[in-house]
Amino acid sequence: MKLIPVSKRALVGIAAAVAAIILIVASRALVDRIAEHKRRMAFHNLHAAAISRIAELSVLEYRYTDVMELNRKFLVGGASTSLVRFSGVVKAGIADVTAVKADYDGNEGKIGITLPRASIIENVVDVGTVKFWDVKRNIFVPIKTELKLQEITAFKDKVARELEASGFLAEADARAAEIVSSLYSGFGAQVTVAH
């Protein structure tokens, strides 16, 4: 086997080509590491800034208006009747967003999110909408404002119980999962949400 002499120029050219290939591969690896680091930092910043600083995440609301008739009877003087009209809102969501857990696995390209179950986080009657009408008055059985307010409170608690029984909180769970998942979807990773 005869060796072909290689000139110094050819050796320098080969060495330069090998060095260029090594430099390209090394720079590509460095760029990938920097990009992964930026994704991880963005993930942690999103979780720290956007999620953890939110006190609560209201995802679903139900508005209602009702008119109640209150009747009280007494032997002397007949009955007293009042009408009460009011509007309110029930909101469901995640009461404590600091309980949201998110894990980023850059190697697998996955983000795992664990959410607490949704609960009713607000159930209020808009005071500005409350109207009272005394239809009939019996001085022996007045319908006092305290009684009217107790009836409103009982009604709003009944609305909350009916909503819970109708699947309102399950719908809020699904909506919370959708919202939080969309926040993390920009990382180009598969997002899974569990409760």
N, C-alpha and C. Protein backbone atom coordinates (compact mmCIF):
# COMPACT_ATOMS: atom_id res chain seq x y z
N MET A 1 0.84 -1.15 0.00
CA MET A 1 0.00 0.00 0.00
C MET A 1 0.90 1.22 0.00
N LYS A 2 0.62 2.08 -0.89
CA LYS A 2 1.45 3.24 -1.07
C LYS A 2 0.75 4.46 -0.48
N LEU A 3 1.44 5.22 0.33
CA LEU A 3 0.88 6.42 0.94
C LEU A 3 1.00 7.58 -0.01
N ILE A 4 -0.04 8.33 -0.09
CA ILE A 4 -0.05 9.51 -0.94
C ILE A 4 0.41 10.68 -0.09
N PRO A 5 1.43 11.37 -0.54
CA PRO A 5 1.88 12.49 0.26
C PRO A 5 0.82 13.60 0.28
N VAL A 6 0.63 14.16 1.43
CA VAL A 6 -0.35 15.23 1.60
C VAL A 6 0.41 16.51 1.88
N SER A 7 0.03 17.51 1.21
CA SER A 7 0.73 18.77 1.38
C SER A 7 0.30 19.44 2.68
N LYS A 8 1.09 20.37 3.11
CA LYS A 8 0.77 21.10 4.34
C LYS A 8 -0.53 21.89 4.17
N ARG A 9 -0.72 22.38 2.96
CA ARG A 9 -1.93 23.13 2.69
C ARG A 9 -3.17 22.25 2.82
N ALA A 10 -3.13 21.07 2.35
CA ALA A 10 -4.25 20.14 2.44
C ALA A 10 -4.51 19.79 3.90
N LEU A 11 -3.44 19.58 4.67
CA LEU A 11 -3.61 19.26 6.09
C LEU A 11 -4.25 20.43 6.84
N VAL A 12 -3.81 21.62 6.53
CA VAL A 12 -4.39 22.80 7.16
C VAL A 12 -5.86 22.93 6.76
N GLY A 13 -6.19 22.66 5.52
CA GLY A 13 -7.57 22.72 5.06
C GLY A 13 -8.44 21.70 5.76
N ILE A 14 -7.92 20.46 5.90
CA ILE A 14 -8.69 19.41 6.59
C ILE A 14 -8.88 19.79 8.06
N ALA A 15 -7.83 20.27 8.68
CA ALA A 15 -7.91 20.67 10.09
C ALA A 15 -8.92 21.81 10.25
N ALA A 16 -8.90 22.73 9.32
CA ALA A 16 -9.84 23.86 9.38
C ALA A 16 -11.27 23.37 9.21
N ALA A 17 -11.50 22.42 8.30
CA ALA A 17 -12.84 21.86 8.08
C ALA A 17 -13.33 21.14 9.33
N VAL A 18 -12.43 20.32 9.94
CA VAL A 18 -12.80 19.60 11.16
C VAL A 18 -13.10 20.59 12.28
N ALA A 19 -12.27 21.63 12.40
CA ALA A 19 -12.50 22.65 13.43
C ALA A 19 -13.82 23.37 13.19
N ALA A 20 -14.16 23.65 11.94
CA ALA A 20 -15.41 24.32 11.61
C ALA A 20 -16.60 23.44 11.97
N ILE A 21 -16.49 22.15 11.68
CA ILE A 21 -17.58 21.21 12.01
C ILE A 21 -17.75 21.14 13.52
N ILE A 22 -16.65 21.04 14.25
CA ILE A 22 -16.72 20.98 15.71
C ILE A 22 -17.33 22.28 16.25
N LEU A 23 -16.94 23.40 15.70
CA LEU A 23 -17.46 24.69 16.13
C LEU A 23 -18.96 24.80 15.86
N ILE A 24 -19.40 24.32 14.71
CA ILE A 24 -20.83 24.36 14.37
C ILE A 24 -21.64 23.47 15.32
N VAL A 25 -21.13 22.26 15.58
CA VAL A 25 -21.84 21.33 16.48
C VAL A 25 -21.87 21.91 17.90
N ALA A 26 -20.74 22.45 18.34
CA ALA A 26 -20.68 23.02 19.69
C ALA A 26 -21.59 24.23 19.82
N SER A 27 -21.61 25.09 18.80
CA SER A 27 -22.47 26.28 18.87
C SER A 27 -23.94 25.88 18.83
N ARG A 28 -24.28 24.84 18.05
CA ARG A 28 -25.66 24.36 17.99
C ARG A 28 -26.08 23.83 19.37
N ALA A 29 -25.19 23.07 20.03
CA ALA A 29 -25.49 22.54 21.36
C ALA A 29 -25.65 23.68 22.36
N LEU A 30 -24.80 24.70 22.25
CA LEU A 30 -24.88 25.84 23.14
C LEU A 30 -26.18 26.61 22.92
N VAL A 31 -26.56 26.80 21.68
CA VAL A 31 -27.83 27.49 21.37
C VAL A 31 -29.01 26.70 21.93
N ASP A 32 -28.97 25.36 21.79
CA ASP A 32 -30.05 24.53 22.33
C ASP A 32 -30.12 24.64 23.85
N ARG A 33 -28.97 24.64 24.50
CA ARG A 33 -28.93 24.76 25.97
C ARG A 33 -29.46 26.12 26.41
N ILE A 34 -29.09 27.16 25.70
CA ILE A 34 -29.57 28.51 26.03
C ILE A 34 -31.07 28.60 25.83
N ALA A 35 -31.57 28.03 24.73
CA ALA A 35 -33.02 28.04 24.46
C ALA A 35 -33.77 27.27 25.55
N GLU A 36 -33.25 26.12 25.94
CA GLU A 36 -33.89 25.33 27.00
C GLU A 36 -33.87 26.10 28.31
N HIS A 37 -32.77 26.78 28.60
CA HIS A 37 -32.68 27.58 29.81
C HIS A 37 -33.70 28.72 29.78
N LYS A 38 -33.85 29.36 28.63
CA LYS A 38 -34.83 30.44 28.50
C LYS A 38 -36.25 29.92 28.68
N ARG A 39 -36.56 28.74 28.10
CA ARG A 39 -37.89 28.14 28.26
C ARG A 39 -38.16 27.84 29.74
N ARG A 40 -37.16 27.27 30.41
CA ARG A 40 -37.32 26.94 31.82
C ARG A 40 -37.52 28.21 32.66
N MET A 41 -36.75 29.26 32.36
CA MET A 41 -36.89 30.53 33.09
C MET A 41 -38.26 31.15 32.82
N ALA A 42 -38.70 31.10 31.58
CA ALA A 42 -40.02 31.64 31.24
C ALA A 42 -41.11 30.87 31.97
N PHE A 43 -40.96 29.55 32.05
CA PHE A 43 -41.92 28.70 32.76
C PHE A 43 -41.98 29.11 34.23
N HIS A 44 -40.81 29.22 34.86
CA HIS A 44 -40.78 29.59 36.27
C HIS A 44 -41.28 31.01 36.49
N ASN A 45 -40.98 31.91 35.57
CA ASN A 45 -41.48 33.28 35.69
C ASN A 45 -42.99 33.33 35.55
N LEU A 46 -43.53 32.55 34.61
CA LEU A 46 -44.98 32.49 34.44
C LEU A 46 -45.62 31.98 35.71
N HIS A 47 -45.08 30.90 36.24
CA HIS A 47 -45.68 30.32 37.43
C HIS A 47 -45.55 31.28 38.62
N ALA A 48 -44.39 31.90 38.76
CA ALA A 48 -44.18 32.80 39.90
C ALA A 48 -44.96 34.10 39.74
N ALA A 49 -44.94 34.66 38.56
CA ALA A 49 -45.56 35.98 38.36
C ALA A 49 -47.05 35.90 38.06
N ALA A 50 -47.43 35.03 37.15
CA ALA A 50 -48.82 35.03 36.69
C ALA A 50 -49.73 34.18 37.57
N ILE A 51 -49.26 33.03 38.00
CA ILE A 51 -50.13 32.13 38.74
C ILE A 51 -50.07 32.40 40.24
N SER A 52 -48.89 32.40 40.81
CA SER A 52 -48.76 32.50 42.26
C SER A 52 -49.24 33.82 42.83
N ARG A 53 -49.21 34.88 42.05
CA ARG A 53 -49.63 36.17 42.56
C ARG A 53 -51.14 36.41 42.47
N ILE A 54 -51.83 35.53 41.78
CA ILE A 54 -53.29 35.64 41.71
C ILE A 54 -53.84 35.08 43.02
N ALA A 55 -54.64 35.85 43.71
CA ALA A 55 -55.20 35.39 44.97
C ALA A 55 -56.20 34.27 44.75
N GLU A 56 -57.07 34.46 43.77
CA GLU A 56 -58.06 33.44 43.45
C GLU A 56 -58.34 33.49 41.96
N LEU A 57 -58.81 32.38 41.44
CA LEU A 57 -59.09 32.29 40.01
C LEU A 57 -60.58 32.00 39.84
N SER A 58 -61.34 33.05 39.56
CA SER A 58 -62.77 32.90 39.33
C SER A 58 -62.97 32.54 37.86
N VAL A 59 -63.60 31.39 37.61
CA VAL A 59 -63.70 30.91 36.23
C VAL A 59 -65.14 30.80 35.72
N LEU A 60 -66.09 30.84 36.61
CA LEU A 60 -67.47 30.64 36.20
C LEU A 60 -68.38 31.46 37.12
N GLU A 61 -69.41 32.07 36.53
CA GLU A 61 -70.33 32.81 37.38
C GLU A 61 -71.77 32.56 36.95
N TYR A 62 -72.66 32.68 37.92
CA TYR A 62 -74.09 32.50 37.70
C TYR A 62 -74.80 33.71 38.32
N ARG A 63 -75.57 34.42 37.51
CA ARG A 63 -76.31 35.58 38.00
C ARG A 63 -77.79 35.22 38.12
N TYR A 64 -78.41 35.74 39.17
CA TYR A 64 -79.83 35.44 39.37
C TYR A 64 -80.55 36.69 39.88
N THR A 65 -81.85 36.71 39.62
CA THR A 65 -82.75 37.74 40.15
C THR A 65 -83.99 37.01 40.63
N ASP A 66 -84.50 37.43 41.78
CA ASP A 66 -85.68 36.75 42.30
C ASP A 66 -86.57 37.75 43.01
N VAL A 67 -87.85 37.41 43.09
CA VAL A 67 -88.83 38.16 43.86
C VAL A 67 -89.44 37.16 44.84
N MET A 68 -89.37 37.50 46.12
CA MET A 68 -89.95 36.63 47.16
C MET A 68 -91.15 37.32 47.79
N GLU A 69 -92.11 36.50 48.15
CA GLU A 69 -93.27 37.01 48.87
C GLU A 69 -93.17 36.48 50.30
N LEU A 70 -93.22 37.40 51.26
CA LEU A 70 -93.17 37.02 52.67
C LEU A 70 -94.53 37.29 53.31
N ASN A 71 -95.06 36.26 53.96
CA ASN A 71 -96.38 36.37 54.59
C ASN A 71 -96.27 36.02 56.07
N ARG A 72 -96.88 36.83 56.92
CA ARG A 72 -96.98 36.56 58.35
C ARG A 72 -98.43 36.80 58.74
N LYS A 73 -98.98 35.88 59.57
CA LYS A 73 -100.39 35.98 59.97
C LYS A 73 -100.50 36.17 61.47
N PHE A 74 -101.57 36.84 61.85
CA PHE A 74 -101.90 37.02 63.26
C PHE A 74 -103.41 37.01 63.37
N LEU A 75 -103.93 36.53 64.48
CA LEU A 75 -105.38 36.42 64.64
C LEU A 75 -106.07 37.78 64.56
N VAL A 76 -105.42 38.78 65.11
CA VAL A 76 -106.03 40.11 65.12
C VAL A 76 -105.44 40.93 63.98
N GLY A 77 -106.25 41.47 63.15
CA GLY A 77 -105.78 42.37 62.10
C GLY A 77 -105.40 41.70 60.80
N GLY A 78 -105.40 40.37 60.70
CA GLY A 78 -105.11 39.69 59.45
C GLY A 78 -103.62 39.45 59.21
N ALA A 79 -103.24 39.47 57.96
CA ALA A 79 -101.87 39.10 57.57
C ALA A 79 -101.07 40.32 57.15
N SER A 80 -99.76 40.14 57.16
CA SER A 80 -98.84 41.12 56.58
C SER A 80 -98.15 40.45 55.41
N THR A 81 -98.01 41.18 54.32
CA THR A 81 -97.36 40.63 53.13
C THR A 81 -96.36 41.66 52.60
N SER A 82 -95.17 41.17 52.30
CA SER A 82 -94.14 42.03 51.70
C SER A 82 -93.54 41.30 50.51
N LEU A 83 -93.13 42.08 49.52
CA LEU A 83 -92.40 41.55 48.38
C LEU A 83 -90.96 42.04 48.48
N VAL A 84 -90.02 41.15 48.14
CA VAL A 84 -88.61 41.48 48.17
C VAL A 84 -88.03 41.09 46.82
N ARG A 85 -87.40 42.04 46.14
CA ARG A 85 -86.74 41.77 44.86
C ARG A 85 -85.25 42.03 45.03
N PHE A 86 -84.43 41.13 44.46
CA PHE A 86 -82.98 41.27 44.59
C PHE A 86 -82.28 40.48 43.48
N SER A 87 -81.03 40.83 43.25
CA SER A 87 -80.18 40.11 42.29
C SER A 87 -78.88 39.74 42.98
N GLY A 88 -78.30 38.66 42.53
CA GLY A 88 -77.04 38.22 43.12
C GLY A 88 -76.17 37.50 42.11
N VAL A 89 -74.98 37.14 42.55
CA VAL A 89 -74.04 36.42 41.70
C VAL A 89 -73.33 35.36 42.53
N VAL A 90 -73.16 34.20 41.92
CA VAL A 90 -72.39 33.12 42.51
C VAL A 90 -71.21 32.88 41.59
N LYS A 91 -69.99 32.90 42.17
CA LYS A 91 -68.78 32.66 41.38
C LYS A 91 -68.08 31.42 41.89
N ALA A 92 -67.58 30.63 40.95
CA ALA A 92 -66.85 29.42 41.30
C ALA A 92 -65.46 29.48 40.68
N GLY A 93 -64.53 28.82 41.32
CA GLY A 93 -63.16 28.78 40.81
C GLY A 93 -62.22 28.20 41.84
N ILE A 94 -60.96 28.56 41.72
CA ILE A 94 -59.94 28.07 42.64
C ILE A 94 -59.70 29.16 43.68
N ALA A 95 -60.01 28.83 44.92
CA ALA A 95 -59.93 29.83 45.99
C ALA A 95 -58.49 30.20 46.33
N ASP A 96 -57.58 29.25 46.27
CA ASP A 96 -56.18 29.52 46.63
C ASP A 96 -55.29 29.07 45.48
N VAL A 97 -54.88 30.00 44.65
CA VAL A 97 -54.12 29.66 43.45
C VAL A 97 -52.69 29.24 43.80
N THR A 98 -52.23 29.56 45.01
CA THR A 98 -50.88 29.12 45.39
C THR A 98 -50.82 27.59 45.51
N ALA A 99 -51.98 26.94 45.54
CA ALA A 99 -52.01 25.48 45.59
C ALA A 99 -51.85 24.84 44.21
N VAL A 100 -51.81 25.65 43.15
CA VAL A 100 -51.58 25.13 41.80
C VAL A 100 -50.12 24.70 41.69
N LYS A 101 -49.91 23.47 41.26
CA LYS A 101 -48.55 22.94 41.09
C LYS A 101 -48.30 22.69 39.61
N ALA A 102 -47.14 23.12 39.13
CA ALA A 102 -46.77 22.92 37.73
C ALA A 102 -45.34 22.42 37.65
N ASP A 103 -45.12 21.36 36.87
CA ASP A 103 -43.79 20.79 36.68
C ASP A 103 -43.47 20.77 35.20
N TYR A 104 -42.27 21.23 34.86
CA TYR A 104 -41.84 21.29 33.47
C TYR A 104 -40.74 20.27 33.25
N ASP A 105 -40.96 19.37 32.30
CA ASP A 105 -39.95 18.38 31.92
C ASP A 105 -39.54 18.67 30.49
N GLY A 106 -38.43 19.40 30.34
CA GLY A 106 -37.96 19.80 29.01
C GLY A 106 -37.50 18.62 28.18
N ASN A 107 -36.96 17.58 28.83
CA ASN A 107 -36.48 16.40 28.10
C ASN A 107 -37.63 15.65 27.44
N GLU A 108 -38.72 15.54 28.17
CA GLU A 108 -39.90 14.82 27.64
C GLU A 108 -40.82 15.74 26.85
N GLY A 109 -40.65 17.05 27.02
CA GLY A 109 -41.54 18.01 26.34
C GLY A 109 -42.93 18.01 26.95
N LYS A 110 -42.99 17.91 28.30
CA LYS A 110 -44.28 17.82 28.97
C LYS A 110 -44.35 18.81 30.13
N ILE A 111 -45.54 19.32 30.36
CA ILE A 111 -45.82 20.15 31.52
C ILE A 111 -46.98 19.48 32.25
N GLY A 112 -46.77 19.16 33.51
CA GLY A 112 -47.82 18.56 34.34
C GLY A 112 -48.34 19.58 35.33
N ILE A 113 -49.65 19.81 35.33
CA ILE A 113 -50.27 20.79 36.21
C ILE A 113 -51.26 20.08 37.12
N THR A 114 -51.18 20.38 38.42
CA THR A 114 -52.12 19.84 39.38
C THR A 114 -52.92 20.99 39.97
N LEU A 115 -54.23 20.92 39.79
CA LEU A 115 -55.13 21.98 40.28
C LEU A 115 -55.96 21.48 41.45
N PRO A 116 -56.20 22.35 42.43
CA PRO A 116 -57.18 21.97 43.46
C PRO A 116 -58.58 22.00 42.86
N ARG A 117 -59.51 21.35 43.50
CA ARG A 117 -60.89 21.33 43.03
C ARG A 117 -61.51 22.72 43.14
N ALA A 118 -62.37 23.05 42.22
CA ALA A 118 -63.08 24.33 42.25
C ALA A 118 -64.08 24.33 43.40
N SER A 119 -64.31 25.51 43.91
CA SER A 119 -65.30 25.70 44.97
C SER A 119 -66.03 27.01 44.71
N ILE A 120 -67.08 27.24 45.46
CA ILE A 120 -67.78 28.51 45.35
C ILE A 120 -66.96 29.54 46.13
N ILE A 121 -66.48 30.56 45.42
CA ILE A 121 -65.62 31.53 46.07
C ILE A 121 -66.34 32.86 46.35
N GLU A 122 -67.52 33.01 45.81
CA GLU A 122 -68.30 34.22 46.10
C GLU A 122 -69.77 33.92 45.90
N ASN A 123 -70.57 34.39 46.82
CA ASN A 123 -72.02 34.24 46.73
C ASN A 123 -72.62 35.47 47.39
N VAL A 124 -72.87 36.49 46.59
CA VAL A 124 -73.31 37.77 47.15
C VAL A 124 -74.57 38.27 46.47
N VAL A 125 -75.33 39.03 47.24
CA VAL A 125 -76.49 39.74 46.72
C VAL A 125 -76.06 41.18 46.53
N ASP A 126 -76.37 41.73 45.37
CA ASP A 126 -76.05 43.12 45.07
C ASP A 126 -77.01 44.01 45.86
N VAL A 127 -76.46 44.69 46.86
CA VAL A 127 -77.28 45.50 47.76
C VAL A 127 -78.05 46.57 47.00
N GLY A 128 -77.48 47.07 45.93
CA GLY A 128 -78.15 48.10 45.14
C GLY A 128 -79.41 47.62 44.44
N THR A 129 -79.60 46.32 44.33
CA THR A 129 -80.78 45.79 43.64
C THR A 129 -81.90 45.40 44.60
N VAL A 130 -81.66 45.44 45.90
CA VAL A 130 -82.66 45.01 46.88
C VAL A 130 -83.76 46.06 46.99
N LYS A 131 -84.99 45.62 46.76
CA LYS A 131 -86.17 46.50 46.87
C LYS A 131 -87.21 45.80 47.73
N PHE A 132 -87.86 46.57 48.62
CA PHE A 132 -88.91 46.04 49.49
C PHE A 132 -90.22 46.76 49.18
N TRP A 133 -91.31 45.99 49.14
CA TRP A 133 -92.65 46.56 49.00
C TRP A 133 -93.55 45.91 50.05
N ASP A 134 -94.17 46.72 50.85
CA ASP A 134 -95.14 46.21 51.81
C ASP A 134 -96.51 46.24 51.15
N VAL A 135 -97.04 45.07 50.83
CA VAL A 135 -98.32 44.96 50.14
C VAL A 135 -99.47 45.12 51.13
N LYS A 136 -99.39 44.38 52.24
CA LYS A 136 -100.40 44.47 53.32
C LYS A 136 -99.65 44.64 54.62
N ARG A 137 -100.19 45.47 55.49
CA ARG A 137 -99.54 45.68 56.78
C ARG A 137 -100.50 45.40 57.92
N ASN A 138 -100.03 44.59 58.82
CA ASN A 138 -100.75 44.37 60.07
C ASN A 138 -99.84 44.87 61.16
N ILE A 139 -100.28 45.84 61.92
CA ILE A 139 -99.41 46.43 62.94
C ILE A 139 -99.03 45.42 64.02
N PHE A 140 -99.79 44.35 64.16
CA PHE A 140 -99.48 43.33 65.16
C PHE A 140 -98.41 42.35 64.67
N VAL A 141 -98.26 42.23 63.34
CA VAL A 141 -97.26 41.32 62.77
C VAL A 141 -96.47 42.04 61.68
N PRO A 142 -95.61 42.94 62.07
CA PRO A 142 -94.80 43.60 61.04
C PRO A 142 -93.74 42.65 60.49
N ILE A 143 -93.46 42.81 59.23
CA ILE A 143 -92.35 42.04 58.63
C ILE A 143 -91.14 42.97 58.66
N LYS A 144 -90.26 42.69 59.60
CA LYS A 144 -89.11 43.57 59.82
C LYS A 144 -88.03 43.35 58.77
N THR A 145 -87.18 44.35 58.62
CA THR A 145 -86.09 44.30 57.65
C THR A 145 -85.15 43.13 57.95
N GLU A 146 -84.92 42.84 59.24
CA GLU A 146 -84.04 41.71 59.60
C GLU A 146 -84.58 40.39 59.04
N LEU A 147 -85.89 40.21 59.13
CA LEU A 147 -86.51 38.99 58.60
C LEU A 147 -86.35 38.93 57.08
N LYS A 148 -86.52 40.06 56.42
CA LYS A 148 -86.36 40.10 54.96
C LYS A 148 -84.93 39.73 54.57
N LEU A 149 -83.96 40.27 55.31
CA LEU A 149 -82.55 39.96 55.02
C LEU A 149 -82.24 38.49 55.31
N GLN A 150 -82.84 37.92 56.36
CA GLN A 150 -82.65 36.49 56.65
C GLN A 150 -83.18 35.63 55.51
N GLU A 151 -84.32 36.02 54.96
CA GLU A 151 -84.90 35.27 53.85
C GLU A 151 -84.01 35.37 52.59
N ILE A 152 -83.43 36.53 52.35
CA ILE A 152 -82.52 36.69 51.21
C ILE A 152 -81.30 35.80 51.40
N THR A 153 -80.74 35.77 52.62
CA THR A 153 -79.57 34.93 52.91
C THR A 153 -79.91 33.46 52.72
N ALA A 154 -81.08 33.04 53.20
CA ALA A 154 -81.50 31.65 53.02
C ALA A 154 -81.65 31.32 51.54
N PHE A 155 -82.17 32.27 50.75
CA PHE A 155 -82.34 32.02 49.33
C PHE A 155 -81.00 31.88 48.62
N LYS A 156 -80.04 32.76 48.92
CA LYS A 156 -78.75 32.68 48.24
C LYS A 156 -78.01 31.40 48.61
N ASP A 157 -78.18 30.92 49.85
CA ASP A 157 -77.58 29.63 50.23
C ASP A 157 -78.25 28.48 49.47
N LYS A 158 -79.56 28.58 49.27
CA LYS A 158 -80.29 27.57 48.50
C LYS A 158 -79.80 27.54 47.05
N VAL A 159 -79.59 28.73 46.46
CA VAL A 159 -79.08 28.80 45.08
C VAL A 159 -77.72 28.12 44.99
N ALA A 160 -76.84 28.35 45.96
CA ALA A 160 -75.51 27.73 45.95
C ALA A 160 -75.62 26.21 46.02
N ARG A 161 -76.49 25.70 46.88
CA ARG A 161 -76.67 24.24 47.00
C ARG A 161 -77.21 23.65 45.70
N GLU A 162 -78.17 24.33 45.08
CA GLU A 162 -78.74 23.84 43.81
C GLU A 162 -77.69 23.84 42.70
N LEU A 163 -76.86 24.87 42.67
CA LEU A 163 -75.81 24.93 41.66
C LEU A 163 -74.81 23.79 41.85
N GLU A 164 -74.42 23.54 43.09
CA GLU A 164 -73.49 22.44 43.36
C GLU A 164 -74.09 21.11 42.90
N ALA A 165 -75.37 20.91 43.17
CA ALA A 165 -76.04 19.66 42.78
C ALA A 165 -76.17 19.54 41.27
N SER A 166 -76.21 20.67 40.56
CA SER A 166 -76.42 20.63 39.11
C SER A 166 -75.13 20.45 38.30
N GLY A 167 -73.96 20.38 38.97
CA GLY A 167 -72.71 20.19 38.25
C GLY A 167 -71.96 21.48 37.99
N PHE A 168 -72.34 22.55 38.65
CA PHE A 168 -71.69 23.86 38.48
C PHE A 168 -70.20 23.78 38.80
N LEU A 169 -69.85 23.07 39.88
CA LEU A 169 -68.45 22.98 40.28
C LEU A 169 -67.65 22.09 39.32
N ALA A 170 -68.27 21.05 38.77
CA ALA A 170 -67.58 20.22 37.77
C ALA A 170 -67.28 21.04 36.53
N GLU A 171 -68.23 21.89 36.15
CA GLU A 171 -68.02 22.77 35.00
C GLU A 171 -66.90 23.78 35.29
N ALA A 172 -66.85 24.26 36.54
CA ALA A 172 -65.80 25.20 36.94
C ALA A 172 -64.43 24.50 36.94
N ASP A 173 -64.39 23.22 37.35
CA ASP A 173 -63.13 22.44 37.29
C ASP A 173 -62.63 22.38 35.85
N ALA A 174 -63.53 22.06 34.93
CA ALA A 174 -63.14 21.95 33.51
C ALA A 174 -62.68 23.29 32.96
N ARG A 175 -63.37 24.35 33.32
CA ARG A 175 -63.00 25.69 32.84
C ARG A 175 -61.65 26.13 33.42
N ALA A 176 -61.40 25.85 34.70
CA ALA A 176 -60.12 26.19 35.32
C ALA A 176 -58.98 25.44 34.65
N ALA A 177 -59.20 24.16 34.35
CA ALA A 177 -58.18 23.37 33.66
C ALA A 177 -57.89 23.95 32.29
N GLU A 178 -58.93 24.36 31.59
CA GLU A 178 -58.77 24.95 30.25
C GLU A 178 -57.98 26.26 30.31
N ILE A 179 -58.31 27.11 31.26
CA ILE A 179 -57.64 28.42 31.38
C ILE A 179 -56.18 28.25 31.76
N VAL A 180 -55.90 27.46 32.79
CA VAL A 180 -54.51 27.29 33.24
C VAL A 180 -53.70 26.57 32.17
N SER A 181 -54.29 25.60 31.51
CA SER A 181 -53.59 24.89 30.43
C SER A 181 -53.22 25.85 29.31
N SER A 182 -54.11 26.77 28.97
CA SER A 182 -53.82 27.72 27.89
C SER A 182 -52.68 28.66 28.27
N LEU A 183 -52.51 28.96 29.56
CA LEU A 183 -51.40 29.80 30.00
C LEU A 183 -50.05 29.14 29.71
N TYR A 184 -50.00 27.82 29.88
CA TYR A 184 -48.74 27.10 29.71
C TYR A 184 -48.54 26.54 28.30
N SER A 185 -49.53 26.67 27.43
CA SER A 185 -49.45 26.05 26.12
C SER A 185 -48.40 26.70 25.22
N GLY A 186 -47.98 27.90 25.53
CA GLY A 186 -47.01 28.59 24.68
C GLY A 186 -45.60 28.04 24.75
N PHE A 187 -45.37 27.05 25.60
CA PHE A 187 -44.04 26.47 25.72
C PHE A 187 -43.77 25.37 24.71
N GLY A 188 -44.75 25.06 23.90
CA GLY A 188 -44.56 24.03 22.89
C GLY A 188 -44.45 22.63 23.47
N ALA A 189 -44.96 22.46 24.67
CA ALA A 189 -44.92 21.16 25.35
C ALA A 189 -46.33 20.62 25.50
N GLN A 190 -46.42 19.32 25.69
CA GLN A 190 -47.72 18.69 25.94
C GLN A 190 -48.13 19.01 27.38
N VAL A 191 -49.30 19.61 27.54
CA VAL A 191 -49.78 20.03 28.86
C VAL A 191 -50.82 19.04 29.34
N THR A 192 -50.63 18.50 30.53
CA THR A 192 -51.63 17.63 31.15
C THR A 192 -52.06 18.26 32.48
N VAL A 193 -53.36 18.20 32.74
CA VAL A 193 -53.92 18.81 33.94
C VAL A 193 -54.62 17.72 34.74
N ALA A 194 -54.34 17.71 36.04
CA ALA A 194 -55.01 16.77 36.95
C ALA A 194 -55.55 17.55 38.14
N HIS A 195 -56.57 16.97 38.78
CA HIS A 195 -57.14 17.60 39.98
C HIS A 195 -56.79 16.78 41.18
